[in-house]
Amino acid sequence: MNLRIGTRRSRLALAQANEVADGLRANGHAVELVPIVTSGDRGADPSSDPQGLKGLFVAEIVRALREGEVDLAVHSAKDLPADDADDLVIGAVPPRSSPLDVLVTRDADLTPGARVGTSSVRRQAQIFRWRPDVLLKDVRGNVDTRLRKLADGEVEALVLAAAGLLRLGVVPEHVQPLSVAEMTPAPGQGALAVQARADDGATLEALVRLDHAPSRGALTAERGLMLALGGGCALPLGAFAEPLDDGRIRMIAIVLTPEGARYARTEVEAATPDEVAELARLDLAASGADEILAATRERP
């Protein structure tokens, strides 16, 4: 069967879509990429979408999927809201790339007073925890744009997702992986979510062989915690789940105020994604996560 894949036009989005396309072709399917310009690409105001900036990059692709212009959509899993619409499902989660963040510096060192570029509240808050002596600058754009701003001297460092660099084949001269303890990743970071219509049995059947059970289990746990804490992909939340050798799942999660002064952190294990997400939620709540998130939402 011929499958049309909806994707953004950015270099990273196309690399992700081609990763899925290659898997489908290897299983004997004809595949066509359908690049879509989103309102986020056109520079729309993030406040115009309930999901903020990330929602601007997803909405048009989801609309095209719903209206039958494409058969499936490839998303960075961390860009999706936690709650699935009734008419759409994640048909496959391919093997996850690195979930870690990395620190990319123009020079080898990050000196006091250095400007660190990121637009993520989660990253900003965690940077404040381990490097309160640096300055933060809101830097947006795709990976190439951010690296160009680094080279041009707008900032001395960037925090980026390792998976994006890996998928683009980009190896900066000075790059340092950040441990989960230093920078707990966003829910779904490094994972791809291949979305399809819930009633499209043929496409869902074609996706079965692309699904990687350990990666799906980890993503389900992380999205479950995100949904329990409010559902938005812009929450100041880090969550990383991983399968253990005995079949159980471990989750590390953190909720922070934007300046990092208050935080709740947990590390729990359970038998299933749903159970580990619920344990993490309860543990975070006991450590004050609800109050932290309420205070964050009240800020202008």
C-alpha atoms as a PDB file:
ATOM      1  CA  MET A   1       0.000   0.000   0.000  1.00  0.00           C
ATOM      2  CA  ASN A   2       1.064   3.622  -0.567  1.00  0.00           C
ATOM      3  CA  LEU A   3       1.402   5.629   2.657  1.00  0.00           C
ATOM      4  CA  ARG A   4       1.522   9.425   2.780  1.00  0.00           C
ATOM      5  CA  ILE A   5       3.502  10.794   5.732  1.00  0.00           C
ATOM      6  CA  GLY A   6       2.729  14.298   6.982  1.00  0.00           C
ATOM      7  CA  THR A   7       5.756  16.162   8.296  1.00  0.00           C
ATOM      8  CA  ARG A   8       7.098  19.643   8.869  1.00  0.00           C
ATOM      9  CA  ARG A   9       9.602  20.964   6.346  1.00  0.00           C
ATOM     10  CA  SER A  10      12.496  21.496   8.755  1.00  0.00           C
ATOM     11  CA  ARG A  11      15.646  19.456   8.252  1.00  0.00           C
ATOM     12  CA  LEU A  12      15.146  17.622  11.552  1.00  0.00           C
ATOM     13  CA  ALA A  13      11.461  16.888  10.880  1.00  0.00           C
ATOM     14  CA  LEU A  14      12.321  15.477   7.460  1.00  0.00           C
ATOM     15  CA  ALA A  15      15.080  13.333   8.984  1.00  0.00           C
ATOM     16  CA  GLN A  16      12.567  11.929  11.481  1.00  0.00           C
ATOM     17  CA  ALA A  17       9.984  11.285   8.771  1.00  0.00           C
ATOM     18  CA  ASN A  18      12.578   9.551   6.608  1.00  0.00           C
ATOM     19  CA  GLU A  19      13.544   7.339   9.555  1.00  0.00           C
ATOM     20  CA  VAL A  20       9.949   6.087   9.657  1.00  0.00           C
ATOM     21  CA  ALA A  21       9.690   5.962   5.853  1.00  0.00           C
ATOM     22  CA  ASP A  22      12.794   3.775   5.627  1.00  0.00           C
ATOM     23  CA  GLY A  23      11.281   1.341   8.102  1.00  0.00           C
ATOM     24  CA  LEU A  24       8.035   1.157   6.153  1.00  0.00           C
ATOM     25  CA  ARG A  25       9.851   0.694   2.841  1.00  0.00           C
ATOM     26  CA  ALA A  26      11.909  -2.113   4.359  1.00  0.00           C
ATOM     27  CA  ASN A  27       8.603  -3.841   5.090  1.00  0.00           C
ATOM     28  CA  GLY A  28       7.468  -3.520   1.470  1.00  0.00           C
ATOM     29  CA  HIS A  29       5.346  -0.351   1.595  1.00  0.00           C
ATOM     30  CA  ALA A  30       5.460   2.531  -0.872  1.00  0.00           C
ATOM     31  CA  VAL A  31       5.891   5.817   0.983  1.00  0.00           C
ATOM     32  CA  GLU A  32       5.469   9.472   0.048  1.00  0.00           C
ATOM     33  CA  LEU A  33       6.503  12.400   2.259  1.00  0.00           C
ATOM     34  CA  VAL A  34       4.058  15.315   2.363  1.00  0.00           C
ATOM     35  CA  PRO A  35       5.844  18.379   3.816  1.00  0.00           C
ATOM     36  CA  ILE A  36       3.463  20.822   5.519  1.00  0.00           C
ATOM     37  CA  VAL A  37       4.147  24.430   6.500  1.00  0.00           C
ATOM     38  CA  THR A  38       2.784  24.981  10.014  1.00  0.00           C
ATOM     39  CA  SER A  39       1.741  28.190  11.723  1.00  0.00           C
ATOM     40  CA  GLY A  40       4.815  27.804  13.931  1.00  0.00           C
ATOM     41  CA  ASP A  41       7.003  27.861  10.817  1.00  0.00           C
ATOM     42  CA  ARG A  42       5.204  31.044   9.741  1.00  0.00           C
ATOM     43  CA  GLY A  43       6.031  32.721  13.066  1.00  0.00           C
ATOM     44  CA  ALA A  44       2.586  32.713  14.674  1.00  0.00           C
ATOM     45  CA  ASP A  45       2.193  33.939  18.258  1.00  0.00           C
ATOM     46  CA  PRO A  46       2.561  30.966  20.677  1.00  0.00           C
ATOM     47  CA  SER A  47      -0.302  32.370  22.775  1.00  0.00           C
ATOM     48  CA  SER A  48      -2.650  31.661  19.849  1.00  0.00           C
ATOM     49  CA  ASP A  49      -2.498  27.908  20.528  1.00  0.00           C
ATOM     50  CA  PRO A  50      -3.591  26.183  23.782  1.00  0.00           C
ATOM     51  CA  GLN A  51      -0.410  24.065  23.667  1.00  0.00           C
ATOM     52  CA  GLY A  52       1.857  27.073  23.168  1.00  0.00           C
ATOM     53  CA  LEU A  53       4.766  27.079  20.727  1.00  0.00           C
ATOM     54  CA  LYS A  54       4.853  23.310  20.289  1.00  0.00           C
ATOM     55  CA  GLY A  55       1.178  23.227  19.417  1.00  0.00           C
ATOM     56  CA  LEU A  56       1.840  25.566  16.503  1.00  0.00           C
ATOM     57  CA  PHE A  57       4.092  22.932  14.930  1.00  0.00           C
ATOM     58  CA  VAL A  58       1.566  20.110  15.323  1.00  0.00           C
ATOM     59  CA  ALA A  59      -1.887  21.545  14.587  1.00  0.00           C
ATOM     60  CA  GLU A  60      -1.765  21.702  10.763  1.00  0.00           C
ATOM     61  CA  ILE A  61      -0.270  18.232  10.476  1.00  0.00           C
ATOM     62  CA  VAL A  62      -2.971  16.804  12.729  1.00  0.00           C
ATOM     63  CA  ARG A  63      -5.631  18.596  10.662  1.00  0.00           C
ATOM     64  CA  ALA A  64      -4.215  17.075   7.447  1.00  0.00           C
ATOM     65  CA  LEU A  65      -4.294  13.641   9.062  1.00  0.00           C
ATOM     66  CA  ARG A  66      -7.885  14.036  10.224  1.00  0.00           C
ATOM     67  CA  GLU A  67      -9.039  15.241   6.807  1.00  0.00           C
ATOM     68  CA  GLY A  68      -7.360  12.385   4.945  1.00  0.00           C
ATOM     69  CA  GLU A  69      -4.701  14.465   3.189  1.00  0.00           C
ATOM     70  CA  VAL A  70      -2.057  12.189   4.754  1.00  0.00           C
ATOM     71  CA  ASP A  71      -2.231   8.677   6.197  1.00  0.00           C
ATOM     72  CA  LEU A  72       0.094   9.152   9.123  1.00  0.00           C
ATOM     73  CA  ALA A  73       2.084  11.878  10.848  1.00  0.00           C
ATOM     74  CA  VAL A  74       5.533  11.724  12.413  1.00  0.00           C
ATOM     75  CA  HIS A  75       6.069  13.872  15.499  1.00  0.00           C
ATOM     76  CA  SER A  76       8.777  14.362  18.060  1.00  0.00           C
ATOM     77  CA  ALA A  77       6.944  12.659  20.916  1.00  0.00           C
ATOM     78  CA  LYS A  78       7.795  15.480  23.328  1.00  0.00           C
ATOM     79  CA  ASP A  79       5.786  17.907  21.151  1.00  0.00           C
ATOM     80  CA  LEU A  80       2.493  16.049  21.590  1.00  0.00           C
ATOM     81  CA  PRO A  81       0.018  16.861  24.367  1.00  0.00           C
ATOM     82  CA  ALA A  82      -0.463  14.027  26.830  1.00  0.00           C
ATOM     83  CA  ASP A  83      -4.112  13.366  26.054  1.00  0.00           C
ATOM     84  CA  ASP A  84      -4.888  11.522  22.814  1.00  0.00           C
ATOM     85  CA  ALA A  85      -7.889  12.599  20.771  1.00  0.00           C
ATOM     86  CA  ASP A  86     -10.487   9.866  20.349  1.00  0.00           C
ATOM     87  CA  ASP A  87     -10.090   9.792  16.556  1.00  0.00           C
ATOM     88  CA  LEU A  88      -6.269   9.564  16.514  1.00  0.00           C
ATOM     89  CA  VAL A  89      -3.810   7.073  17.994  1.00  0.00           C
ATOM     90  CA  ILE A  90      -0.064   6.616  18.227  1.00  0.00           C
ATOM     91  CA  GLY A  91       0.272   3.691  15.849  1.00  0.00           C
ATOM     92  CA  ALA A  92       3.982   3.127  16.424  1.00  0.00           C
ATOM     93  CA  VAL A  93       6.843   4.234  18.635  1.00  0.00           C
ATOM     94  CA  PRO A  94      10.096   3.265  16.875  1.00  0.00           C
ATOM     95  CA  PRO A  95      13.239   2.554  18.921  1.00  0.00           C
ATOM     96  CA  ARG A  96      14.041   5.627  20.959  1.00  0.00           C
ATOM     97  CA  SER A  97      17.133   7.706  20.283  1.00  0.00           C
ATOM     98  CA  SER A  98      19.070   9.272  23.161  1.00  0.00           C
ATOM     99  CA  PRO A  99      16.702  10.983  25.609  1.00  0.00           C
ATOM    100  CA  LEU A 100      19.480  13.158  27.038  1.00  0.00           C
ATOM    101  CA  ASP A 101      20.141  16.866  26.726  1.00  0.00           C
ATOM    102  CA  VAL A 102      23.607  18.110  25.842  1.00  0.00           C
ATOM    103  CA  LEU A 103      25.495  21.314  26.568  1.00  0.00           C
ATOM    104  CA  VAL A 104      27.071  22.797  23.452  1.00  0.00           C
ATOM    105  CA  THR A 105      29.625  25.546  24.080  1.00  0.00           C
ATOM    106  CA  ARG A 106      31.479  27.863  21.717  1.00  0.00           C
ATOM    107  CA  ASP A 107      34.649  27.328  23.726  1.00  0.00           C
ATOM    108  CA  ALA A 108      35.407  24.279  25.817  1.00  0.00           C
ATOM    109  CA  ASP A 109      34.513  25.911  29.138  1.00  0.00           C
ATOM    110  CA  LEU A 110      31.359  27.430  30.583  1.00  0.00           C
ATOM    111  CA  THR A 111      32.617  30.356  32.645  1.00  0.00           C
ATOM    112  CA  PRO A 112      30.657  32.352  35.264  1.00  0.00           C
ATOM    113  CA  GLY A 113      28.455  34.942  33.601  1.00  0.00           C
ATOM    114  CA  ALA A 114      28.254  32.986  30.340  1.00  0.00           C
ATOM    115  CA  ARG A 115      24.995  33.320  28.401  1.00  0.00           C
ATOM    116  CA  VAL A 116      23.220  29.972  27.949  1.00  0.00           C
ATOM    117  CA  GLY A 117      20.541  29.829  25.269  1.00  0.00           C
ATOM    118  CA  THR A 118      17.309  27.884  25.619  1.00  0.00           C
ATOM    119  CA  SER A 119      13.602  28.619  25.293  1.00  0.00           C
ATOM    120  CA  SER A 120      12.549  25.726  27.544  1.00  0.00           C
ATOM    121  CA  VAL A 121      11.286  26.509  31.057  1.00  0.00           C
ATOM    122  CA  ARG A 122      12.272  22.962  32.087  1.00  0.00           C
ATOM    123  CA  ARG A 123      15.860  23.496  30.945  1.00  0.00           C
ATOM    124  CA  GLN A 124      16.094  27.012  32.365  1.00  0.00           C
ATOM    125  CA  ALA A 125      14.951  25.882  35.804  1.00  0.00           C
ATOM    126  CA  GLN A 126      17.404  22.990  35.923  1.00  0.00           C
ATOM    127  CA  ILE A 127      20.295  25.134  34.697  1.00  0.00           C
ATOM    128  CA  PHE A 128      19.608  27.501  37.608  1.00  0.00           C
ATOM    129  CA  ARG A 129      19.987  24.514  39.954  1.00  0.00           C
ATOM    130  CA  TRP A 130      23.454  23.397  38.843  1.00  0.00           C
ATOM    131  CA  ARG A 131      24.888  26.607  37.397  1.00  0.00           C
ATOM    132  CA  PRO A 132      23.366  29.582  39.213  1.00  0.00           C
ATOM    133  CA  ASP A 133      26.371  31.649  38.089  1.00  0.00           C
ATOM    134  CA  VAL A 134      25.387  31.746  34.394  1.00  0.00           C
ATOM    135  CA  LEU A 135      22.883  33.926  32.556  1.00  0.00           C
ATOM    136  CA  LEU A 136      19.963  32.599  30.543  1.00  0.00           C
ATOM    137  CA  LYS A 137      18.878  33.892  27.158  1.00  0.00           C
ATOM    138  CA  ASP A 138      15.702  32.926  25.315  1.00  0.00           C
ATOM    139  CA  VAL A 139      16.914  31.378  22.049  1.00  0.00           C
ATOM    140  CA  ARG A 140      14.408  29.891  19.595  1.00  0.00           C
ATOM    141  CA  GLY A 141      14.539  28.334  16.149  1.00  0.00           C
ATOM    142  CA  ASN A 142      15.597  25.015  14.668  1.00  0.00           C
ATOM    143  CA  VAL A 143      18.906  23.329  15.498  1.00  0.00           C
ATOM    144  CA  ASP A 144      20.782  25.023  12.644  1.00  0.00           C
ATOM    145  CA  THR A 145      19.474  28.456  13.669  1.00  0.00           C
ATOM    146  CA  ARG A 146      20.482  27.960  17.288  1.00  0.00           C
ATOM    147  CA  LEU A 147      23.959  26.722  16.382  1.00  0.00           C
ATOM    148  CA  ARG A 148      24.399  29.745  14.115  1.00  0.00           C
ATOM    149  CA  LYS A 149      23.472  32.058  17.013  1.00  0.00           C
ATOM    150  CA  LEU A 150      26.101  30.295  19.110  1.00  0.00           C
ATOM    151  CA  ALA A 151      28.741  30.729  16.405  1.00  0.00           C
ATOM    152  CA  ASP A 152      27.790  34.395  15.951  1.00  0.00           C
ATOM    153  CA  GLY A 153      28.374  35.119  19.636  1.00  0.00           C
ATOM    154  CA  GLU A 154      24.783  35.741  20.743  1.00  0.00           C
ATOM    155  CA  VAL A 155      25.333  33.141  23.473  1.00  0.00           C
ATOM    156  CA  GLU A 156      28.276  31.199  24.853  1.00  0.00           C
ATOM    157  CA  ALA A 157      26.363  27.916  25.171  1.00  0.00           C
ATOM    158  CA  LEU A 158      23.190  26.089  24.194  1.00  0.00           C
ATOM    159  CA  VAL A 159      21.242  23.240  25.745  1.00  0.00           C
ATOM    160  CA  LEU A 160      19.930  20.947  22.994  1.00  0.00           C
ATOM    161  CA  ALA A 161      18.401  17.493  22.700  1.00  0.00           C
ATOM    162  CA  ALA A 162      21.038  14.896  21.854  1.00  0.00           C
ATOM    163  CA  ALA A 163      18.560  13.091  19.592  1.00  0.00           C
ATOM    164  CA  GLY A 164      18.210  16.103  17.301  1.00  0.00           C
ATOM    165  CA  LEU A 165      21.951  16.315  16.765  1.00  0.00           C
ATOM    166  CA  LEU A 166      22.200  12.574  16.202  1.00  0.00           C
ATOM    167  CA  ARG A 167      19.402  12.504  13.629  1.00  0.00           C
ATOM    168  CA  LEU A 168      20.950  15.429  11.756  1.00  0.00           C
ATOM    169  CA  GLY A 169      24.444  13.956  11.914  1.00  0.00           C
ATOM    170  CA  VAL A 170      25.697  17.160  13.569  1.00  0.00           C
ATOM    171  CA  VAL A 171      28.732  16.847  15.864  1.00  0.00           C
ATOM    172  CA  PRO A 172      29.600  20.209  17.483  1.00  0.00           C
ATOM    173  CA  GLU A 173      33.227  20.758  18.404  1.00  0.00           C
ATOM    174  CA  HIS A 174      32.472  21.248  22.099  1.00  0.00           C
ATOM    175  CA  VAL A 175      29.572  19.129  23.320  1.00  0.00           C
ATOM    176  CA  GLN A 176      28.989  17.632  26.762  1.00  0.00           C
ATOM    177  CA  PRO A 177      26.210  15.119  27.573  1.00  0.00           C
ATOM    178  CA  LEU A 178      24.159  16.099  30.612  1.00  0.00           C
ATOM    179  CA  SER A 179      23.205  13.309  32.980  1.00  0.00           C
ATOM    180  CA  VAL A 180      19.606  12.698  33.991  1.00  0.00           C
ATOM    181  CA  ALA A 181      20.575  13.976  37.444  1.00  0.00           C
ATOM    182  CA  GLU A 182      21.790  17.280  35.972  1.00  0.00           C
ATOM    183  CA  MET A 183      19.057  17.715  33.371  1.00  0.00           C
ATOM    184  CA  THR A 184      16.052  15.393  33.526  1.00  0.00           C
ATOM    185  CA  PRO A 185      14.691  15.198  29.957  1.00  0.00           C
ATOM    186  CA  ALA A 186      11.291  16.292  28.742  1.00  0.00           C
ATOM    187  CA  PRO A 187       8.651  13.534  28.605  1.00  0.00           C
ATOM    188  CA  GLY A 188       9.066  11.749  25.280  1.00  0.00           C
ATOM    189  CA  GLN A 189      12.420  13.323  24.426  1.00  0.00           C
ATOM    190  CA  GLY A 190      14.306  11.263  21.847  1.00  0.00           C
ATOM    191  CA  ALA A 191      11.225   9.248  20.903  1.00  0.00           C
ATOM    192  CA  LEU A 192       9.142   9.498  17.746  1.00  0.00           C
ATOM    193  CA  ALA A 193       5.357   9.153  17.774  1.00  0.00           C
ATOM    194  CA  VAL A 194       3.788   7.931  14.538  1.00  0.00           C
ATOM    195  CA  GLN A 195       0.184   9.063  14.594  1.00  0.00           C
ATOM    196  CA  ALA A 196      -2.678   7.599  12.511  1.00  0.00           C
ATOM    197  CA  ARG A 197      -6.458   7.729  12.395  1.00  0.00           C
ATOM    198  CA  ALA A 198      -8.020   5.329  14.863  1.00  0.00           C
ATOM    199  CA  ASP A 199     -10.333   3.866  12.219  1.00  0.00           C
ATOM    200  CA  ASP A 200      -7.622   3.338   9.573  1.00  0.00           C
ATOM    201  CA  GLY A 201      -6.993  -0.352  10.107  1.00  0.00           C
ATOM    202  CA  ALA A 202      -4.759  -0.803   7.047  1.00  0.00           C
ATOM    203  CA  THR A 203      -2.323   1.917   8.096  1.00  0.00           C
ATOM    204  CA  LEU A 204      -2.264   0.735  11.708  1.00  0.00           C
ATOM    205  CA  GLU A 205      -1.468  -2.785  10.492  1.00  0.00           C
ATOM    206  CA  ALA A 206       1.424  -1.410   8.427  1.00  0.00           C
ATOM    207  CA  LEU A 207       2.833   0.296  11.519  1.00  0.00           C
ATOM    208  CA  VAL A 208       2.826  -2.777  13.773  1.00  0.00           C
ATOM    209  CA  ARG A 209       6.334  -3.896  12.812  1.00  0.00           C
ATOM    210  CA  LEU A 210       7.787  -0.448  13.516  1.00  0.00           C
ATOM    211  CA  ASP A 211       6.594  -0.432  17.121  1.00  0.00           C
ATOM    212  CA  HIS A 212       9.294  -0.974  19.764  1.00  0.00           C
ATOM    213  CA  ALA A 213       7.702  -2.206  22.968  1.00  0.00           C
ATOM    214  CA  PRO A 214      10.321  -0.879  25.447  1.00  0.00           C
ATOM    215  CA  SER A 215      10.235   2.570  23.843  1.00  0.00           C
ATOM    216  CA  ARG A 216       6.427   2.611  23.815  1.00  0.00           C
ATOM    217  CA  GLY A 217       6.304   1.561  27.462  1.00  0.00           C
ATOM    218  CA  ALA A 218       8.672   4.349  28.483  1.00  0.00           C
ATOM    219  CA  LEU A 219       6.736   6.908  26.448  1.00  0.00           C
ATOM    220  CA  THR A 220       3.412   5.722  27.881  1.00  0.00           C
ATOM    221  CA  ALA A 221       4.754   6.160  31.415  1.00  0.00           C
ATOM    222  CA  GLU A 222       6.126   9.639  30.746  1.00  0.00           C
ATOM    223  CA  ARG A 223       2.977  10.828  28.976  1.00  0.00           C
ATOM    224  CA  GLY A 224       0.880   9.324  31.758  1.00  0.00           C
ATOM    225  CA  LEU A 225       2.691  11.417  34.350  1.00  0.00           C
ATOM    226  CA  MET A 226       2.422  14.532  32.167  1.00  0.00           C
ATOM    227  CA  LEU A 227      -1.328  14.002  31.818  1.00  0.00           C
ATOM    228  CA  ALA A 228      -1.737  13.487  35.570  1.00  0.00           C
ATOM    229  CA  LEU A 229       0.087  16.753  36.246  1.00  0.00           C
ATOM    230  CA  GLY A 230      -1.861  18.861  33.796  1.00  0.00           C
ATOM    231  CA  GLY A 231      -1.375  17.576  30.267  1.00  0.00           C
ATOM    232  CA  GLY A 232       0.595  20.437  28.727  1.00  0.00           C
ATOM    233  CA  CYS A 233       3.912  19.842  26.971  1.00  0.00           C
ATOM    234  CA  ALA A 234       5.147  23.222  28.305  1.00  0.00           C
ATOM    235  CA  LEU A 235       5.052  22.147  31.958  1.00  0.00           C
ATOM    236  CA  PRO A 236       8.271  22.694  33.970  1.00  0.00           C
ATOM    237  CA  LEU A 237       8.472  18.897  34.153  1.00  0.00           C
ATOM    238  CA  GLY A 238      11.270  16.472  33.472  1.00  0.00           C
ATOM    239  CA  ALA A 239      10.433  12.770  33.242  1.00  0.00           C
ATOM    240  CA  PHE A 240      12.513   9.817  32.093  1.00  0.00           C
ATOM    241  CA  ALA A 241      11.337   6.207  32.190  1.00  0.00           C
ATOM    242  CA  GLU A 242      13.439   3.180  31.267  1.00  0.00           C
ATOM    243  CA  PRO A 243      12.796  -0.573  31.221  1.00  0.00           C
ATOM    244  CA  LEU A 244      14.793  -2.675  33.667  1.00  0.00           C
ATOM    245  CA  ASP A 245      16.206  -6.155  33.092  1.00  0.00           C
ATOM    246  CA  ASP A 246      13.491  -7.731  35.234  1.00  0.00           C
ATOM    247  CA  GLY A 247      10.709  -6.180  33.121  1.00  0.00           C
ATOM    248  CA  ARG A 248       9.868  -3.433  35.592  1.00  0.00           C
ATOM    249  CA  ILE A 249      10.063   0.266  34.708  1.00  0.00           C
ATOM    250  CA  ARG A 250      12.041   2.916  36.550  1.00  0.00           C
ATOM    251  CA  MET A 251      11.021   6.564  36.344  1.00  0.00           C
ATOM    252  CA  ILE A 252      12.931   9.666  37.379  1.00  0.00           C
ATOM    253  CA  ALA A 253      10.885  12.867  37.415  1.00  0.00           C
ATOM    254  CA  ILE A 254      11.223  16.443  38.559  1.00  0.00           C
ATOM    255  CA  VAL A 255       8.919  19.475  38.773  1.00  0.00           C
ATOM    256  CA  LEU A 256      10.433  22.926  39.284  1.00  0.00           C
ATOM    257  CA  THR A 257       9.595  26.582  39.603  1.00  0.00           C
ATOM    258  CA  PRO A 258      10.986  28.543  36.618  1.00  0.00           C
ATOM    259  CA  GLU A 259      13.926  29.917  38.611  1.00  0.00           C
ATOM    260  CA  GLY A 260      14.689  26.476  40.056  1.00  0.00           C
ATOM    261  CA  ALA A 261      14.411  27.614  43.666  1.00  0.00           C
ATOM    262  CA  ARG A 262      11.738  25.054  44.537  1.00  0.00           C
ATOM    263  CA  TYR A 263      11.498  21.576  43.140  1.00  0.00           C
ATOM    264  CA  ALA A 264      10.109  18.114  43.787  1.00  0.00           C
ATOM    265  CA  ARG A 265      11.980  15.071  42.531  1.00  0.00           C
ATOM    266  CA  THR A 266      11.297  11.349  42.601  1.00  0.00           C
ATOM    267  CA  GLU A 267      12.729   8.032  41.471  1.00  0.00           C
ATOM    268  CA  VAL A 268      10.314   5.094  41.520  1.00  0.00           C
ATOM    269  CA  GLU A 269       9.888   1.610  40.043  1.00  0.00           C
ATOM    270  CA  ALA A 270       6.776  -0.370  39.142  1.00  0.00           C
ATOM    271  CA  ALA A 271       5.584  -3.252  36.982  1.00  0.00           C
ATOM    272  CA  THR A 272       3.691  -1.270  34.323  1.00  0.00           C
ATOM    273  CA  PRO A 273       3.808   2.185  32.689  1.00  0.00           C
ATOM    274  CA  ASP A 274       0.539   3.215  34.316  1.00  0.00           C
ATOM    275  CA  GLU A 275       1.668   2.079  37.758  1.00  0.00           C
ATOM    276  CA  VAL A 276       5.040   3.842  37.600  1.00  0.00           C
ATOM    277  CA  ALA A 277       3.377   7.059  36.402  1.00  0.00           C
ATOM    278  CA  GLU A 278       0.915   6.944  39.301  1.00  0.00           C
ATOM    279  CA  LEU A 279       3.675   6.225  41.834  1.00  0.00           C
ATOM    280  CA  ALA A 280       5.691   9.136  40.496  1.00  0.00           C
ATOM    281  CA  ARG A 281       2.655  11.431  40.681  1.00  0.00           C
ATOM    282  CA  LEU A 282       1.958  10.492  44.293  1.00  0.00           C
ATOM    283  CA  ASP A 283       5.592  10.896  45.306  1.00  0.00           C
ATOM    284  CA  LEU A 284       5.877  14.274  43.576  1.00  0.00           C
ATOM    285  CA  ALA A 285       2.636  15.445  45.185  1.00  0.00           C
ATOM    286  CA  ALA A 286       3.942  14.437  48.603  1.00  0.00           C
ATOM    287  CA  SER A 287       7.010  16.598  47.911  1.00  0.00           C
ATOM    288  CA  GLY A 288       4.979  19.679  47.013  1.00  0.00           C
ATOM    289  CA  ALA A 289       4.644  19.360  43.222  1.00  0.00           C
ATOM    290  CA  ASP A 290       1.002  20.492  43.185  1.00  0.00           C
ATOM    291  CA  GLU A 291       1.891  23.741  44.951  1.00  0.00           C
ATOM    292  CA  ILE A 292       4.867  24.311  42.652  1.00  0.00           C
ATOM    293  CA  LEU A 293       2.764  23.827  39.521  1.00  0.00           C
ATOM    294  CA  ALA A 294      -0.058  25.994  40.875  1.00  0.00           C
ATOM    295  CA  ALA A 295       2.387  28.813  41.603  1.00  0.00           C
ATOM    296  CA  THR A 296       3.904  28.427  38.125  1.00  0.00           C
ATOM    297  CA  ARG A 297       0.518  28.617  36.406  1.00  0.00           C
ATOM    298  CA  GLU A 298      -0.382  31.775  38.324  1.00  0.00           C
ATOM    299  CA  ARG A 299       2.618  33.647  36.915  1.00  0.00           C
ATOM    300  CA  PRO A 300       2.040  36.010  33.983  1.00  0.00           C
END
